[in-house]
Every structure is written in structure tokens, then in C-alpha cells.
């Protein structure tokens, strides 16, 4: 056992991932996967925005706040976004 690894963790059983069928006969709904590719609209949006991946996002998320405000019929100053 490594001197950097506490003995109390020696009895832990490592995570064993579930079966990953390769034959595409099954839909694995328990793993948040989809058997379908992204829609053409998603692919177009990703392609369009991929040139901006080198930039930080707007910390105030103005575009999202404005769209949410419009959707719910309020002003953007009434929309609060947070982590978690």
C-alpha cells in the first residue's frame, strides 16, 4: 500500500461500470445515453458557436435572462440566475 493512501480506504470496492453492449440491440435508458444522434438543429447551433469557444461566456448571462424574461412576461432585472 502506498504511504500516500490511507489504510482505511483499502477495503473500498471500486466502481464497476455496467455492461456496455456493442451490438446496438438494446437501449440503455439507465445511463443517460441516447441511441439517436444530435438533431440537425443542434449540430448547426454547435457549428455556429464553435468559433467562440476561445472566449469566456457573459458572466451576467444577459441573452438568457432576456429570453427568459420575454418567455415569462417579466423584465430581465426580475430574472436571477445562479449556480445550483
PDB file of N, CA and C in Angstrom:
ATOM      1  N   UNK A   1       0.857  -1.179   0.000  1.00  0.00           N
ATOM      2  CA  UNK A   1       0.000   0.000   0.000  1.00  0.00           C
ATOM      3  C   UNK A   1       0.898   1.236   0.000  1.00  0.00           C
ATOM      4  N   UNK A   2       0.496   2.241  -0.755  1.00  0.00           N
ATOM      5  CA  UNK A   2       1.258   3.485  -0.847  1.00  0.00           C
ATOM      6  C   UNK A   2       1.219   4.241   0.472  1.00  0.00           C
ATOM      7  N   UNK A   3       2.280   4.935   0.779  1.00  0.00           N
ATOM      8  CA  UNK A   3       2.296   5.740   2.007  1.00  0.00           C
ATOM      9  C   UNK A   3       1.364   6.953   1.880  1.00  0.00           C
ATOM     10  N   UNK A   4       0.919   7.239   0.673  1.00  0.00           N
ATOM     11  CA  UNK A   4       0.007   8.358   0.458  1.00  0.00           C
ATOM     12  C   UNK A   4      -1.457   7.924   0.521  1.00  0.00           C
ATOM     13  N   UNK A   5      -1.701   6.654   0.663  1.00  0.00           N
ATOM     14  CA  UNK A   5      -3.059   6.118   0.650  1.00  0.00           C
ATOM     15  C   UNK A   5      -3.382   5.576   2.030  1.00  0.00           C
ATOM     16  N   UNK A   6      -4.412   6.109   2.646  1.00  0.00           N
ATOM     17  CA  UNK A   6      -4.777   5.693   3.993  1.00  0.00           C
ATOM     18  C   UNK A   6      -5.252   4.235   4.016  1.00  0.00           C
ATOM     19  N   UNK A   7      -4.861   3.493   5.052  1.00  0.00           N
ATOM     20  CA  UNK A   7      -5.271   2.098   5.198  1.00  0.00           C
ATOM     21  C   UNK A   7      -6.785   1.948   5.309  1.00  0.00           C
ATOM     22  N   UNK A   8      -7.451   2.971   5.814  1.00  0.00           N
ATOM     23  CA  UNK A   8      -8.909   2.846   5.987  1.00  0.00           C
ATOM     24  C   UNK A   8      -9.651   2.752   4.659  1.00  0.00           C
ATOM     25  N   UNK A   9      -8.988   3.112   3.570  1.00  0.00           N
ATOM     26  CA  UNK A   9      -9.628   3.017   2.250  1.00  0.00           C
ATOM     27  C   UNK A   9      -9.306   1.713   1.541  1.00  0.00           C
ATOM     28  N   UNK A  10      -8.491   0.889   2.122  1.00  0.00           N
ATOM     29  CA  UNK A  10      -8.070  -0.361   1.480  1.00  0.00           C
ATOM     30  C   UNK A  10      -9.238  -1.308   1.228  1.00  0.00           C
ATOM     31  N   UNK A  11     -10.279  -1.241   2.053  1.00  0.00           N
ATOM     32  CA  UNK A  11     -11.398  -2.169   1.892  1.00  0.00           C
ATOM     33  C   UNK A  11     -12.483  -1.650   0.943  1.00  0.00           C
ATOM     34  N   UNK A  12     -12.295  -0.462   0.398  1.00  0.00           N
ATOM     35  CA  UNK A  12     -13.284   0.064  -0.538  1.00  0.00           C
ATOM     36  C   UNK A  12     -13.315  -0.764  -1.817  1.00  0.00           C
ATOM     37  N   UNK A  13     -14.502  -0.991  -2.317  1.00  0.00           N
ATOM     38  CA  UNK A  13     -14.666  -1.729  -3.566  1.00  0.00           C
ATOM     39  C   UNK A  13     -14.791  -0.713  -4.696  1.00  0.00           C
ATOM     40  N   UNK A  14     -13.955  -0.818  -5.717  1.00  0.00           N
ATOM     41  CA  UNK A  14     -14.015   0.161  -6.793  1.00  0.00           C
ATOM     42  C   UNK A  14     -15.310   0.043  -7.602  1.00  0.00           C
ATOM     43  N   UNK A  15     -15.710   1.134  -8.205  1.00  0.00           N
ATOM     44  CA  UNK A  15     -16.892   1.156  -9.064  1.00  0.00           C
ATOM     45  C   UNK A  15     -16.652   0.276 -10.279  1.00  0.00           C
ATOM     46  N   UNK A  16     -17.639  -0.538 -10.591  1.00  0.00           N
ATOM     47  CA  UNK A  16     -17.568  -1.381 -11.780  1.00  0.00           C
ATOM     48  C   UNK A  16     -18.672  -0.911 -12.726  1.00  0.00           C
ATOM     49  N   UNK A  17     -18.308  -0.373 -13.877  1.00  0.00           N
ATOM     50  CA  UNK A  17     -19.340   0.114 -14.791  1.00  0.00           C
ATOM     51  C   UNK A  17     -20.198  -1.034 -15.301  1.00  0.00           C
ATOM     52  N   UNK A  18     -21.425  -0.708 -15.629  1.00  0.00           N
ATOM     53  CA  UNK A  18     -22.342  -1.712 -16.145  1.00  0.00           C
ATOM     54  C   UNK A  18     -21.943  -2.172 -17.539  1.00  0.00           C
ATOM     55  N   UNK A  19     -22.644  -3.158 -17.999  1.00  0.00           N
ATOM     56  CA  UNK A  19     -22.365  -3.711 -19.324  1.00  0.00           C
ATOM     57  C   UNK A  19     -22.566  -2.640 -20.392  1.00  0.00           C
ATOM     58  N   UNK A  20     -21.679  -2.624 -21.353  1.00  0.00           N
ATOM     59  CA  UNK A  20     -21.768  -1.689 -22.472  1.00  0.00           C
ATOM     60  C   UNK A  20     -21.967  -2.488 -23.754  1.00  0.00           C
ATOM     61  N   UNK A  21     -23.227  -2.847 -24.058  1.00  0.00           N
ATOM     62  CA  UNK A  21     -23.457  -3.656 -25.260  1.00  0.00           C
ATOM     63  C   UNK A  21     -23.006  -2.902 -26.512  1.00  0.00           C
ATOM     64  N   UNK A  22     -22.372  -3.620 -27.406  1.00  0.00           N
ATOM     65  CA  UNK A  22     -21.853  -3.009 -28.625  1.00  0.00           C
ATOM     66  C   UNK A  22     -22.705  -3.325 -29.850  1.00  0.00           C
ATOM     67  N   UNK A  23     -23.693  -4.189 -29.696  1.00  0.00           N
ATOM     68  CA  UNK A  23     -24.439  -4.639 -30.879  1.00  0.00           C
ATOM     69  C   UNK A  23     -25.630  -3.753 -31.237  1.00  0.00           C
ATOM     70  N   UNK A  24     -25.895  -2.717 -30.477  1.00  0.00           N
ATOM     71  CA  UNK A  24     -26.991  -1.761 -30.750  1.00  0.00           C
ATOM     72  C   UNK A  24     -28.385  -2.409 -30.741  1.00  0.00           C
ATOM     73  N   UNK A  25     -28.512  -3.564 -30.085  1.00  0.00           N
ATOM     74  CA  UNK A  25     -29.828  -4.200 -29.989  1.00  0.00           C
ATOM     75  C   UNK A  25     -30.611  -3.680 -28.787  1.00  0.00           C
ATOM     76  N   UNK A  26     -29.910  -3.012 -27.856  1.00  0.00           N
ATOM     77  CA  UNK A  26     -30.543  -2.580 -26.620  1.00  0.00           C
ATOM     78  C   UNK A  26     -30.436  -1.075 -26.470  1.00  0.00           C
ATOM     79  N   UNK A  27     -31.428  -0.489 -25.813  1.00  0.00           N
ATOM     80  CA  UNK A  27     -31.385   0.926 -25.453  1.00  0.00           C
ATOM     81  C   UNK A  27     -31.078   0.999 -23.970  1.00  0.00           C
ATOM     82  N   UNK A  28     -29.974   1.627 -23.612  1.00  0.00           N
ATOM     83  CA  UNK A  28     -29.586   1.735 -22.203  1.00  0.00           C
ATOM     84  C   UNK A  28     -30.175   3.035 -21.633  1.00  0.00           C
ATOM     85  N   UNK A  29     -31.359   2.961 -21.139  1.00  0.00           N
ATOM     86  CA  UNK A  29     -32.036   4.138 -20.610  1.00  0.00           C
ATOM     87  C   UNK A  29     -31.510   4.551 -19.247  1.00  0.00           C
ATOM     88  N   UNK A  30     -30.793   3.668 -18.558  1.00  0.00           N
ATOM     89  CA  UNK A  30     -30.312   3.971 -17.214  1.00  0.00           C
ATOM     90  C   UNK A  30     -28.982   4.722 -17.206  1.00  0.00           C
ATOM     91  N   UNK A  31     -28.419   5.042 -18.354  1.00  0.00           N
ATOM     92  CA  UNK A  31     -27.117   5.693 -18.383  1.00  0.00           C
ATOM     93  C   UNK A  31     -27.155   7.065 -19.035  1.00  0.00           C
ATOM     94  N   UNK A  32     -28.347   7.615 -19.208  1.00  0.00           N
ATOM     95  CA  UNK A  32     -28.487   8.945 -19.805  1.00  0.00           C
ATOM     96  C   UNK A  32     -27.913   9.008 -21.210  1.00  0.00           C
ATOM     97  N   UNK A  33     -27.940   7.915 -21.920  1.00  0.00           N
ATOM     98  CA  UNK A  33     -27.458   7.882 -23.283  1.00  0.00           C
ATOM     99  C   UNK A  33     -28.642   7.816 -24.218  1.00  0.00           C
ATOM    100  N   UNK A  34     -28.410   8.210 -25.436  1.00  0.00           N
ATOM    101  CA  UNK A  34     -29.448   8.152 -26.446  1.00  0.00           C
ATOM    102  C   UNK A  34     -28.923   7.374 -27.641  1.00  0.00           C
ATOM    103  N   UNK A  35     -29.757   6.532 -28.213  1.00  0.00           N
ATOM    104  CA  UNK A  35     -29.316   5.804 -29.405  1.00  0.00           C
ATOM    105  C   UNK A  35     -29.360   6.681 -30.653  1.00  0.00           C
ATOM    106  N   UNK A  36     -29.859   7.893 -30.511  1.00  0.00           N
ATOM    107  CA  UNK A  36     -30.037   8.771 -31.659  1.00  0.00           C
ATOM    108  C   UNK A  36     -28.968   9.857 -31.687  1.00  0.00           C
ATOM    109  N   UNK A  37     -28.527  10.246 -32.867  1.00  0.00           N
ATOM    110  CA  UNK A  37     -27.537  11.329 -32.963  1.00  0.00           C
ATOM    111  C   UNK A  37     -28.201  12.673 -32.652  1.00  0.00           C
ATOM    112  N   UNK A  38     -27.401  13.719 -32.432  1.00  0.00           N
ATOM    113  CA  UNK A  38     -27.990  15.046 -32.217  1.00  0.00           C
ATOM    114  C   UNK A  38     -28.804  15.471 -33.433  1.00  0.00           C
ATOM    115  N   UNK A  39     -29.813  16.273 -33.188  1.00  0.00           N
ATOM    116  CA  UNK A  39     -30.661  16.740 -34.286  1.00  0.00           C
ATOM    117  C   UNK A  39     -29.858  17.673 -35.193  1.00  0.00           C
ATOM    118  N   UNK A  40     -30.289  17.840 -36.442  1.00  0.00           N
ATOM    119  CA  UNK A  40     -29.606  18.774 -37.345  1.00  0.00           C
ATOM    120  C   UNK A  40     -29.553  20.193 -36.778  1.00  0.00           C
ATOM    121  N   UNK A  41     -30.585  20.599 -36.054  1.00  0.00           N
ATOM    122  CA  UNK A  41     -30.594  21.934 -35.452  1.00  0.00           C
ATOM    123  C   UNK A  41     -29.510  22.093 -34.398  1.00  0.00           C
ATOM    124  N   UNK A  42     -29.307  21.063 -33.589  1.00  0.00           N
ATOM    125  CA  UNK A  42     -28.259  21.096 -32.561  1.00  0.00           C
ATOM    126  C   UNK A  42     -26.888  21.141 -33.228  1.00  0.00           C
ATOM    127  N   UNK A  43     -26.693  20.305 -34.230  1.00  0.00           N
ATOM    128  CA  UNK A  43     -25.411  20.297 -34.936  1.00  0.00           C
ATOM    129  C   UNK A  43     -25.118  21.654 -35.569  1.00  0.00           C
ATOM    130  N   UNK A  44     -26.132  22.289 -36.151  1.00  0.00           N
ATOM    131  CA  UNK A  44     -25.948  23.610 -36.758  1.00  0.00           C
ATOM    132  C   UNK A  44     -25.604  24.650 -35.701  1.00  0.00           C
ATOM    133  N   UNK A  45     -26.286  24.609 -34.556  1.00  0.00           N
ATOM    134  CA  UNK A  45     -26.019  25.572 -33.488  1.00  0.00           C
ATOM    135  C   UNK A  45     -24.612  25.394 -32.931  1.00  0.00           C
ATOM    136  N   UNK A  46     -24.191  24.154 -32.735  1.00  0.00           N
ATOM    137  CA  UNK A  46     -22.843  23.889 -32.227  1.00  0.00           C
ATOM    138  C   UNK A  46     -21.805  24.371 -33.228  1.00  0.00           C
ATOM    139  N   UNK A  47     -22.040  24.089 -34.495  1.00  0.00           N
ATOM    140  CA  UNK A  47     -21.108  24.521 -35.533  1.00  0.00           C
ATOM    141  C   UNK A  47     -21.009  26.042 -35.577  1.00  0.00           C
ATOM    142  N   UNK A  48     -22.144  26.703 -35.455  1.00  0.00           N
ATOM    143  CA  UNK A  48     -22.186  28.167 -35.499  1.00  0.00           C
ATOM    144  C   UNK A  48     -21.429  28.793 -34.324  1.00  0.00           C
ATOM    145  N   UNK A  49     -21.555  28.205 -33.151  1.00  0.00           N
ATOM    146  CA  UNK A  49     -20.939  28.771 -31.953  1.00  0.00           C
ATOM    147  C   UNK A  49     -19.519  28.272 -31.700  1.00  0.00           C
ATOM    148  N   UNK A  50     -19.082  27.263 -32.432  1.00  0.00           N
ATOM    149  CA  UNK A  50     -17.771  26.671 -32.149  1.00  0.00           C
ATOM    150  C   UNK A  50     -16.623  27.656 -32.340  1.00  0.00           C
ATOM    151  N   UNK A  51     -16.814  28.673 -33.144  1.00  0.00           N
ATOM    152  CA  UNK A  51     -15.773  29.673 -33.337  1.00  0.00           C
ATOM    153  C   UNK A  51     -15.584  30.589 -32.144  1.00  0.00           C
ATOM    154  N   UNK A  52     -16.465  30.503 -31.170  1.00  0.00           N
ATOM    155  CA  UNK A  52     -16.390  31.363 -29.986  1.00  0.00           C
ATOM    156  C   UNK A  52     -15.929  30.609 -28.741  1.00  0.00           C
ATOM    157  N   UNK A  53     -15.482  29.377 -28.907  1.00  0.00           N
ATOM    158  CA  UNK A  53     -15.084  28.568 -27.744  1.00  0.00           C
ATOM    159  C   UNK A  53     -13.860  29.115 -27.026  1.00  0.00           C
ATOM    160  N   UNK A  54     -13.138  29.999 -27.665  1.00  0.00           N
ATOM    161  CA  UNK A  54     -11.957  30.581 -27.039  1.00  0.00           C
ATOM    162  C   UNK A  54     -12.296  31.770 -26.143  1.00  0.00           C
ATOM    163  N   UNK A  55     -13.559  32.137 -26.064  1.00  0.00           N
ATOM    164  CA  UNK A  55     -13.989  33.300 -25.275  1.00  0.00           C
ATOM    165  C   UNK A  55     -14.741  32.860 -24.023  1.00  0.00           C
ATOM    166  N   UNK A  56     -14.624  33.661 -22.970  1.00  0.00           N
ATOM    167  CA  UNK A  56     -15.429  33.420 -21.777  1.00  0.00           C
ATOM    168  C   UNK A  56     -16.871  33.806 -22.062  1.00  0.00           C
ATOM    169  N   UNK A  57     -17.779  33.115 -21.412  1.00  0.00           N
ATOM    170  CA  UNK A  57     -19.190  33.462 -21.561  1.00  0.00           C
ATOM    171  C   UNK A  57     -19.502  34.727 -20.766  1.00  0.00           C
ATOM    172  N   UNK A  58     -20.626  35.332 -21.075  1.00  0.00           N
ATOM    173  CA  UNK A  58     -21.076  36.534 -20.375  1.00  0.00           C
ATOM    174  C   UNK A  58     -21.408  36.159 -18.926  1.00  0.00           C
ATOM    175  N   UNK A  59     -20.716  36.716 -17.944  1.00  0.00           N
ATOM    176  CA  UNK A  59     -20.975  36.331 -16.556  1.00  0.00           C
ATOM    177  C   UNK A  59     -22.375  36.716 -16.079  1.00  0.00           C
ATOM    178  N   UNK A  60     -23.001  37.663 -16.758  1.00  0.00           N
ATOM    179  CA  UNK A  60     -24.358  38.066 -16.389  1.00  0.00           C
ATOM    180  C   UNK A  60     -25.417  37.318 -17.190  1.00  0.00           C
ATOM    181  N   UNK A  61     -25.004  36.512 -18.152  1.00  0.00           N
ATOM    182  CA  UNK A  61     -25.919  35.720 -18.992  1.00  0.00           C
ATOM    183  C   UNK A  61     -27.069  36.579 -19.519  1.00  0.00           C
ATOM    184  N   UNK A  62     -26.726  37.738 -20.047  1.00  0.00           N
ATOM    185  CA  UNK A  62     -27.750  38.687 -20.496  1.00  0.00           C
ATOM    186  C   UNK A  62     -28.727  38.094 -21.511  1.00  0.00           C
ATOM    187  N   UNK A  63     -28.195  37.402 -22.520  1.00  0.00           N
ATOM    188  CA  UNK A  63     -29.080  36.852 -23.559  1.00  0.00           C
ATOM    189  C   UNK A  63     -30.076  35.862 -22.962  1.00  0.00           C
ATOM    190  N   UNK A  64     -29.616  35.001 -22.062  1.00  0.00           N
ATOM    191  CA  UNK A  64     -30.500  34.026 -21.425  1.00  0.00           C
ATOM    192  C   UNK A  64     -31.529  34.731 -20.546  1.00  0.00           C
ATOM    193  N   UNK A  65     -31.075  35.699 -19.767  1.00  0.00           N
ATOM    194  CA  UNK A  65     -32.008  36.436 -18.895  1.00  0.00           C
ATOM    195  C   UNK A  65     -33.069  37.156 -19.716  1.00  0.00           C
ATOM    196  N   UNK A  66     -32.663  37.763 -20.827  1.00  0.00           N
ATOM    197  CA  UNK A  66     -33.630  38.464 -21.673  1.00  0.00           C
ATOM    198  C   UNK A  66     -34.640  37.502 -22.272  1.00  0.00           C
ATOM    199  N   UNK A  67     -34.179  36.362 -22.737  1.00  0.00           N
ATOM    200  CA  UNK A  67     -35.084  35.368 -23.328  1.00  0.00           C
ATOM    201  C   UNK A  67     -36.038  34.807 -22.272  1.00  0.00           C
ATOM    202  N   UNK A  68     -35.522  34.522 -21.083  1.00  0.00           N
ATOM    203  CA  UNK A  68     -36.386  34.017 -20.016  1.00  0.00           C
ATOM    204  C   UNK A  68     -37.407  35.071 -19.600  1.00  0.00           C
ATOM    205  N   UNK A  69     -36.962  36.320 -19.514  1.00  0.00           N
ATOM    206  CA  UNK A  69     -37.877  37.409 -19.152  1.00  0.00           C
ATOM    207  C   UNK A  69     -38.982  37.535 -20.187  1.00  0.00           C
ATOM    208  N   UNK A  70     -38.609  37.450 -21.444  1.00  0.00           N
ATOM    209  CA  UNK A  70     -39.604  37.535 -22.530  1.00  0.00           C
ATOM    210  C   UNK A  70     -40.595  36.370 -22.434  1.00  0.00           C
ATOM    211  N   UNK A  71     -40.071  35.172 -22.183  1.00  0.00           N
ATOM    212  CA  UNK A  71     -40.921  33.986 -22.091  1.00  0.00           C
ATOM    213  C   UNK A  71     -41.930  34.099 -20.956  1.00  0.00           C
ATOM    214  N   UNK A  72     -41.512  34.644 -19.816  1.00  0.00           N
ATOM    215  CA  UNK A  72     -42.377  34.698 -18.638  1.00  0.00           C
ATOM    216  C   UNK A  72     -43.045  36.056 -18.430  1.00  0.00           C
ATOM    217  N   UNK A  73     -42.838  36.980 -19.368  1.00  0.00           N
ATOM    218  CA  UNK A  73     -43.523  38.261 -19.292  1.00  0.00           C
ATOM    219  C   UNK A  73     -43.071  39.155 -18.160  1.00  0.00           C
ATOM    220  N   UNK A  74     -41.780  39.119 -17.864  1.00  0.00           N
ATOM    221  CA  UNK A  74     -41.221  39.990 -16.828  1.00  0.00           C
ATOM    222  C   UNK A  74     -40.043  40.743 -17.431  1.00  0.00           C
ATOM    223  N   UNK A  75     -39.485  41.671 -16.669  1.00  0.00           N
ATOM    224  CA  UNK A  75     -38.301  42.379 -17.134  1.00  0.00           C
ATOM    225  C   UNK A  75     -37.055  41.583 -16.747  1.00  0.00           C
ATOM    226  N   UNK A  76     -35.954  41.734 -17.510  1.00  0.00           N
ATOM    227  CA  UNK A  76     -34.743  40.961 -17.210  1.00  0.00           C
ATOM    228  C   UNK A  76     -34.209  41.156 -15.794  1.00  0.00           C
ATOM    229  N   UNK A  77     -34.469  42.314 -15.183  1.00  0.00           N
ATOM    230  CA  UNK A  77     -33.978  42.516 -13.813  1.00  0.00           C
ATOM    231  C   UNK A  77     -34.730  41.661 -12.800  1.00  0.00           C
ATOM    232  N   UNK A  78     -35.804  40.997 -13.236  1.00  0.00           N
ATOM    233  CA  UNK A  78     -36.564  40.098 -12.357  1.00  0.00           C
ATOM    234  C   UNK A  78     -36.097  38.655 -12.483  1.00  0.00           C
ATOM    235  N   UNK A  79     -35.155  38.399 -13.390  1.00  0.00           N
ATOM    236  CA  UNK A  79     -34.646  37.041 -13.605  1.00  0.00           C
ATOM    237  C   UNK A  79     -33.281  36.928 -12.937  1.00  0.00           C
ATOM    238  N   UNK A  80     -33.157  35.963 -12.043  1.00  0.00           N
ATOM    239  CA  UNK A  80     -31.903  35.743 -11.331  1.00  0.00           C
ATOM    240  C   UNK A  80     -31.398  34.354 -11.679  1.00  0.00           C
ATOM    241  N   UNK A  81     -30.167  34.300 -12.149  1.00  0.00           N
ATOM    242  CA  UNK A  81     -29.541  33.013 -12.469  1.00  0.00           C
ATOM    243  C   UNK A  81     -28.447  32.749 -11.445  1.00  0.00           C
ATOM    244  N   UNK A  82     -28.292  31.500 -11.076  1.00  0.00           N
ATOM    245  CA  UNK A  82     -27.260  31.169 -10.090  1.00  0.00           C
ATOM    246  C   UNK A  82     -26.717  29.773 -10.346  1.00  0.00           C
ATOM    247  N   UNK A  83     -25.685  29.427  -9.640  1.00  0.00           N
ATOM    248  CA  UNK A  83     -25.121  28.084  -9.665  1.00  0.00           C
ATOM    249  C   UNK A  83     -25.856  27.221  -8.670  1.00  0.00           C
ATOM    250  N   UNK A  84     -26.429  26.135  -9.137  1.00  0.00           N
ATOM    251  CA  UNK A  84     -27.030  25.190  -8.207  1.00  0.00           C
ATOM    252  C   UNK A  84     -28.371  25.498  -7.782  1.00  0.00           C
TER     253      UNK A  84
END
